[in-house]
């Protein structure tokens, strides 16, 4: 079979290439899946660069999320059938024509969902919903997040609104506001405006902001913390701009703030199966009723990986870049 492989860590556009690899065989409790579509996530590219929390042995395949069709069953698998569409968000090496995954970790795809939606349903949307679920926020509560025009930021805004949570989004440029409004996402403030804090107070009516989500790092993390109420919680989700958090000690001390991290893959792995199933059913329902949208920016063949990586890095991109065999 053909797969995207890298023999060294480095720039994904330079080190990833299509190679012939042995067709994988499913073992007991496993399934072989024929890949249809797979999204490019930042953590996939960080893994290829060797800068992520998971570092594979080389040479390595790439990709972690995909939708595909069950092609072969290992011993003891009776809950899935050959020809059934399934999706996964935690199987390494899916940028290939075929991949093997644990049957227990695969999610059957309803006929009502397109391949384009199913391909990106798990990793980012499930992380966003799991994050919201972990915050213990209730209808009418306020929260704030930066990187609001990123993939997870858009999803948190949409899922939060569907749950009745008031989500304020921070973006670094004013034109990001209109991009989000085009998706029906309101309550967006650009931090390049000198009066953005006054805008925030006017927007919330002075209501306490209980939780802040930081996906940027650096000063941006401190900006989010500074907006929180006493006993507020800052959740560190990512580090798009800097691996270092610049937090004012006064905000931490006098707000008696809590700062904690959130790693979606670990949370998902340790989550009780019953809760995981409930959250996935909510995700599917949100997609089908239109309260959450999962746009696609472009789709590329494996052989066009250089162009695909470039497209994924385009500023202001709306929607995921997808790969297909």
Protein backbone atom coordinates (compact mmCIF):
# COMPACT_ATOMS: atom_id res chain seq x y z
CA UNK A 1 0.00 0.00 0.00
CA UNK A 2 0.99 3.66 -0.36
CA UNK A 3 1.58 5.79 2.74
CA UNK A 4 3.11 9.11 3.77
CA UNK A 5 6.38 8.38 5.57
CA UNK A 6 9.22 10.43 7.06
CA UNK A 7 12.72 9.10 7.83
CA UNK A 8 13.85 12.17 9.79
CA UNK A 9 12.15 14.80 11.91
CA UNK A 10 11.79 18.18 10.25
CA UNK A 11 9.62 20.40 8.07
CA UNK A 12 6.66 18.20 7.04
CA UNK A 13 6.66 19.72 3.54
CA UNK A 14 10.26 18.56 3.10
CA UNK A 15 10.47 15.23 4.94
CA UNK A 16 7.11 13.60 4.17
CA UNK A 17 6.90 11.50 1.00
CA UNK A 18 4.72 8.75 -0.42
CA UNK A 19 6.27 5.29 -0.12
CA UNK A 20 5.21 1.68 -0.56
CA UNK A 21 4.62 -0.04 2.79
CA UNK A 22 3.45 -3.57 3.72
CA UNK A 23 -0.32 -3.98 3.90
CA UNK A 24 -1.07 -4.17 7.66
CA UNK A 25 -2.87 -7.23 9.02
CA UNK A 26 -5.37 -6.88 11.91
CA UNK A 27 -4.64 -8.87 15.04
CA UNK A 28 -7.13 -10.04 17.67
CA UNK A 29 -9.56 -7.25 18.52
CA UNK A 30 -8.34 -5.12 15.61
CA UNK A 31 -9.78 -3.94 12.31
CA UNK A 32 -8.16 -2.94 9.04
CA UNK A 33 -9.66 0.22 7.56
CA UNK A 34 -9.42 1.55 3.99
CA UNK A 35 -8.81 5.29 4.30
CA UNK A 36 -11.21 7.74 2.67
CA UNK A 37 -10.24 11.13 4.12
CA UNK A 38 -7.94 12.41 6.86
CA UNK A 39 -7.49 15.96 8.20
CA UNK A 40 -4.18 17.71 8.81
CA UNK A 41 -3.96 18.80 12.45
CA UNK A 42 -1.27 20.96 14.04
CA UNK A 43 -0.33 18.10 16.35
CA UNK A 44 0.24 15.88 13.30
CA UNK A 45 2.72 18.39 11.91
CA UNK A 46 4.38 18.92 15.30
CA UNK A 47 4.85 15.14 15.53
CA UNK A 48 6.58 15.09 12.14
CA UNK A 49 8.82 17.92 13.33
CA UNK A 50 9.63 15.98 16.51
CA UNK A 51 8.29 18.72 18.79
CA UNK A 52 5.11 17.09 20.14
CA UNK A 53 4.52 15.14 23.35
CA UNK A 54 4.58 11.91 21.32
CA UNK A 55 7.72 11.07 19.31
CA UNK A 56 7.46 7.99 17.04
CA UNK A 57 10.28 5.66 16.04
CA UNK A 58 11.64 6.37 12.57
CA UNK A 59 10.83 5.76 9.79
CA UNK A 60 7.26 6.66 10.70
CA UNK A 61 3.91 7.11 9.08
CA UNK A 62 1.82 10.12 10.04
CA UNK A 63 -1.70 11.30 10.77
CA UNK A 64 -4.03 10.47 13.63
CA UNK A 65 -7.63 11.01 12.48
CA UNK A 66 -9.49 9.53 9.52
CA UNK A 67 -12.76 8.21 8.18
CA UNK A 68 -12.67 4.97 6.27
CA UNK A 69 -14.36 1.68 5.43
CA UNK A 70 -13.81 -1.53 7.38
CA UNK A 71 -11.77 -3.80 5.11
CA UNK A 72 -10.83 -6.78 7.32
CA UNK A 73 -11.67 -8.04 10.82
CA UNK A 74 -9.31 -9.56 13.35
CA UNK A 75 -10.27 -12.46 15.61
CA UNK A 76 -12.94 -11.69 18.16
CA UNK A 77 -14.35 -8.60 16.41
CA UNK A 78 -18.11 -8.90 16.13
CA UNK A 79 -19.35 -5.34 16.72
CA UNK A 80 -18.25 -4.08 13.27
CA UNK A 81 -18.82 -5.37 9.76
CA UNK A 82 -16.82 -5.31 6.54
CA UNK A 83 -17.96 -2.37 4.41
CA UNK A 84 -19.03 -0.28 7.41
CA UNK A 85 -17.90 3.36 7.61
CA UNK A 86 -15.98 4.20 10.77
CA UNK A 87 -13.93 7.08 12.12
CA UNK A 88 -11.03 7.33 14.55
CA UNK A 89 -9.27 10.21 16.24
CA UNK A 90 -6.54 8.38 18.09
CA UNK A 91 -4.91 5.96 15.65
CA UNK A 92 -1.36 6.84 14.62
CA UNK A 93 -0.30 6.39 10.99
CA UNK A 94 -3.59 6.93 9.16
CA UNK A 95 -2.06 8.90 6.27
CA UNK A 96 -1.98 5.66 4.33
CA UNK A 97 -4.27 3.73 2.02
CA UNK A 98 -4.99 1.31 4.88
CA UNK A 99 -4.47 1.36 8.64
CA UNK A 100 -5.10 -1.00 11.55
CA UNK A 101 -6.95 0.17 14.65
CA UNK A 102 -8.47 -1.27 17.79
CA UNK A 103 -12.08 -2.15 17.09
CA UNK A 104 -13.08 -0.69 20.46
CA UNK A 105 -11.68 2.70 19.47
CA UNK A 106 -13.56 3.03 16.18
CA UNK A 107 -16.81 4.97 15.94
CA UNK A 108 -19.49 3.91 13.43
CA UNK A 109 -20.49 6.80 11.16
CA UNK A 110 -24.23 7.49 10.66
CA UNK A 111 -25.37 7.64 7.03
CA UNK A 112 -26.47 11.25 7.58
CA UNK A 113 -22.85 12.41 8.01
CA UNK A 114 -20.70 13.08 4.95
CA UNK A 115 -17.14 11.78 4.67
CA UNK A 116 -15.90 15.38 5.00
CA UNK A 117 -17.68 15.82 8.34
CA UNK A 118 -16.87 12.35 9.66
CA UNK A 119 -13.17 12.77 8.84
CA UNK A 120 -12.82 15.61 11.34
CA UNK A 121 -15.48 14.72 13.90
CA UNK A 122 -13.29 13.20 16.60
CA UNK A 123 -10.03 14.97 17.41
CA UNK A 124 -10.87 18.67 17.50
CA UNK A 125 -14.66 18.63 18.09
CA UNK A 126 -14.43 15.93 20.74
CA UNK A 127 -11.56 17.78 22.45
CA UNK A 128 -13.63 20.97 22.38
CA UNK A 129 -16.69 19.26 23.85
CA UNK A 130 -14.61 17.35 26.41
CA UNK A 131 -13.01 20.64 27.42
CA UNK A 132 -16.39 22.29 27.89
CA UNK A 133 -17.67 19.29 29.83
CA UNK A 134 -14.65 19.43 32.17
CA UNK A 135 -15.21 23.08 33.10
CA UNK A 136 -18.40 22.58 35.12
CA UNK A 137 -19.98 25.63 33.53
CA UNK A 138 -23.73 26.07 33.62
CA UNK A 139 -26.25 27.83 31.42
CA UNK A 140 -25.72 31.58 31.65
CA UNK A 141 -22.11 31.36 32.84
CA UNK A 142 -19.37 33.37 31.10
CA UNK A 143 -16.05 32.17 29.75
CA UNK A 144 -13.36 33.70 27.53
CA UNK A 145 -10.90 32.20 25.05
CA UNK A 146 -8.13 33.40 22.78
CA UNK A 147 -7.37 31.98 19.32
CA UNK A 148 -11.12 32.26 18.82
CA UNK A 149 -10.71 31.98 15.05
CA UNK A 150 -8.79 28.72 15.31
CA UNK A 151 -10.50 25.37 14.71
CA UNK A 152 -11.01 24.55 18.39
CA UNK A 153 -11.96 28.14 19.21
CA UNK A 154 -14.78 28.08 16.65
CA UNK A 155 -16.02 24.76 17.99
CA UNK A 156 -15.93 25.88 21.63
CA UNK A 157 -17.93 28.98 20.67
CA UNK A 158 -20.55 26.97 18.79
CA UNK A 159 -20.81 24.13 21.32
CA UNK A 160 -20.82 26.57 24.22
CA UNK A 161 -23.66 28.54 22.66
CA UNK A 162 -25.62 25.32 22.11
CA UNK A 163 -25.23 24.58 25.83
CA UNK A 164 -26.31 28.10 26.83
CA UNK A 165 -22.83 29.22 27.89
CA UNK A 166 -21.74 32.78 27.08
CA UNK A 167 -18.42 32.52 25.23
CA UNK A 168 -16.30 35.59 24.52
CA UNK A 169 -13.59 35.11 21.89
CA UNK A 170 -10.37 37.08 21.54
CA UNK A 171 -8.63 37.42 18.16
CA UNK A 172 -5.41 39.24 17.38
CA UNK A 173 -6.64 41.13 14.32
CA UNK A 174 -9.84 43.04 13.60
CA UNK A 175 -10.61 41.23 10.34
CA UNK A 176 -10.92 38.00 12.33
CA UNK A 177 -14.17 39.36 13.77
CA UNK A 178 -15.97 39.34 10.43
CA UNK A 179 -14.63 35.88 9.59
CA UNK A 180 -16.30 34.49 12.70
CA UNK A 181 -19.51 36.45 12.26
CA UNK A 182 -19.80 34.83 8.84
CA UNK A 183 -20.07 31.53 10.74
CA UNK A 184 -22.68 32.93 13.10
CA UNK A 185 -20.22 33.40 15.98
CA UNK A 186 -20.72 36.66 17.87
CA UNK A 187 -19.09 38.12 21.02
CA UNK A 188 -15.65 38.53 19.40
CA UNK A 189 -13.12 41.19 20.42
CA UNK A 190 -9.84 42.05 18.67
CA UNK A 191 -6.97 42.62 21.10
CA UNK A 192 -5.22 44.95 18.63
CA UNK A 193 -7.78 47.55 19.68
CA UNK A 194 -6.45 49.71 22.57
CA UNK A 195 -9.82 49.64 24.34
CA UNK A 196 -10.46 45.91 24.09
CA UNK A 197 -10.80 45.56 27.87
CA UNK A 198 -13.49 48.26 27.93
CA UNK A 199 -15.23 46.44 25.09
CA UNK A 200 -15.12 43.25 27.14
CA UNK A 201 -16.75 44.91 30.16
CA UNK A 202 -19.47 46.37 27.95
CA UNK A 203 -20.06 43.03 26.26
CA UNK A 204 -20.41 41.06 29.51
CA UNK A 205 -22.21 43.79 31.40
CA UNK A 206 -19.63 43.31 34.13
CA UNK A 207 -20.66 39.69 34.74
CA UNK A 208 -17.92 37.51 36.29
CA UNK A 209 -15.92 35.44 33.80
CA UNK A 210 -15.32 32.10 35.48
CA UNK A 211 -13.05 30.32 32.99
CA UNK A 212 -10.46 31.32 30.41
CA UNK A 213 -8.95 29.12 27.69
CA UNK A 214 -5.45 29.91 26.43
CA UNK A 215 -4.25 28.37 23.17
CA UNK A 216 -1.59 30.97 22.35
CA UNK A 217 0.86 31.33 25.25
CA UNK A 218 3.09 34.33 25.95
CA UNK A 219 1.39 37.62 26.82
CA UNK A 220 -1.89 36.37 25.38
CA UNK A 221 -2.20 33.91 28.27
CA UNK A 222 -1.81 36.77 30.73
CA UNK A 223 -4.47 38.77 28.90
CA UNK A 224 -6.95 35.93 29.38
CA UNK A 225 -6.05 35.52 33.06
CA UNK A 226 -6.44 39.24 33.66
CA UNK A 227 -10.06 39.06 32.45
CA UNK A 228 -11.09 36.37 34.93
CA UNK A 229 -13.06 36.87 38.10
CA UNK A 230 -11.79 35.95 41.57
CA UNK A 231 -11.39 32.17 41.89
CA UNK A 232 -11.36 31.90 38.11
CA UNK A 233 -9.63 29.10 36.22
CA UNK A 234 -7.17 29.46 33.34
CA UNK A 235 -6.99 26.32 31.22
CA UNK A 236 -3.95 25.98 28.97
CA UNK A 237 -4.99 24.15 25.80
CA UNK A 238 -2.20 25.03 23.36
CA UNK A 239 0.85 27.18 22.66
CA UNK A 240 0.49 28.56 19.14
CA UNK A 241 2.79 31.54 19.67
CA UNK A 242 4.97 30.69 22.67
CA UNK A 243 5.67 27.71 24.97
CA UNK A 244 6.02 30.15 27.88
CA UNK A 245 3.12 31.69 29.80
CA UNK A 246 3.51 35.35 30.79
CA UNK A 247 1.20 35.65 33.80
CA UNK A 248 1.09 38.56 36.25
CA UNK A 249 1.74 37.24 39.76
CA UNK A 250 -0.85 39.70 41.07
CA UNK A 251 -3.54 38.12 38.93
CA UNK A 252 -2.63 34.65 40.17
CA UNK A 253 -2.40 35.68 43.83
CA UNK A 254 -5.16 38.22 44.31
CA UNK A 255 -7.65 36.44 42.05
CA UNK A 256 -6.71 33.17 43.82
CA UNK A 257 -6.67 31.74 40.31
CA UNK A 258 -6.22 28.14 39.25
CA UNK A 259 -3.99 27.38 36.25
CA UNK A 260 -4.22 23.91 34.73
CA UNK A 261 -3.54 22.10 31.48
CA UNK A 262 -5.81 20.11 29.17
CA UNK A 263 -4.51 17.39 26.80
CA UNK A 264 -7.43 16.03 24.81
CA UNK A 265 -5.91 12.69 23.82
CA UNK A 266 -5.21 11.76 27.45
CA UNK A 267 -8.61 12.97 28.64
CA UNK A 268 -10.33 10.92 25.93
CA UNK A 269 -8.30 7.80 26.73
CA UNK A 270 -9.10 7.99 30.45
CA UNK A 271 -12.76 8.96 30.05
CA UNK A 272 -15.39 6.38 31.04
CA UNK A 273 -16.85 4.68 27.97
CA UNK A 274 -20.40 5.69 28.89
CA UNK A 275 -19.51 9.40 29.07
CA UNK A 276 -17.51 9.18 25.85
CA UNK A 277 -20.53 7.72 24.09
CA UNK A 278 -22.82 10.44 25.45
CA UNK A 279 -20.50 13.20 24.26
CA UNK A 280 -20.18 11.68 20.79
CA UNK A 281 -23.95 11.48 20.50
CA UNK A 282 -24.13 15.15 21.45
CA UNK A 283 -21.50 16.00 18.82
CA UNK A 284 -23.38 14.19 16.09
CA UNK A 285 -26.62 15.87 17.12
CA UNK A 286 -24.97 19.33 17.07
CA UNK A 287 -23.64 18.72 13.56
CA UNK A 288 -26.96 17.43 12.25
CA UNK A 289 -28.97 20.34 13.70
CA UNK A 290 -26.47 22.88 12.34
CA UNK A 291 -25.38 24.31 15.68
CA UNK A 292 -21.81 23.18 14.96
CA UNK A 293 -20.21 23.49 11.53
CA UNK A 294 -17.07 21.71 10.29
CA UNK A 295 -16.03 23.46 7.06
CA UNK A 296 -13.37 22.13 4.69
CA UNK A 297 -10.79 24.51 3.24
CA UNK A 298 -9.33 22.14 0.63
CA UNK A 299 -8.61 18.50 -0.15
CA UNK A 300 -5.32 17.10 -1.49
CA UNK A 301 -3.99 13.71 -2.55
CA UNK A 302 -1.17 12.17 -0.50
CA UNK A 303 1.24 12.96 -3.33
CA UNK A 304 0.45 16.68 -2.98
CA UNK A 305 1.53 16.79 0.67
CA UNK A 306 3.80 19.81 0.14
CA UNK A 307 0.90 21.91 -1.15
CA UNK A 308 -1.38 20.52 1.55
CA UNK A 309 1.01 21.54 4.34
CA UNK A 310 1.30 25.03 2.83
CA UNK A 311 -2.49 25.33 2.63
CA UNK A 312 -2.82 24.24 6.24
CA UNK A 313 -0.50 27.09 7.31
CA UNK A 314 -2.37 29.85 5.45
CA UNK A 315 -3.42 32.72 7.78
CA UNK A 316 -7.15 33.20 8.06
CA UNK A 317 -7.91 29.74 6.69
CA UNK A 318 -11.46 28.64 7.43
CA UNK A 319 -11.91 24.90 7.68
CA UNK A 320 -9.64 21.89 7.72
CA UNK A 321 -7.29 20.75 4.97
CA UNK A 322 -8.03 17.10 4.15
CA UNK A 323 -5.86 14.38 2.63
CA UNK A 324 -6.98 11.41 0.55
CA UNK A 325 -5.12 8.45 -1.01
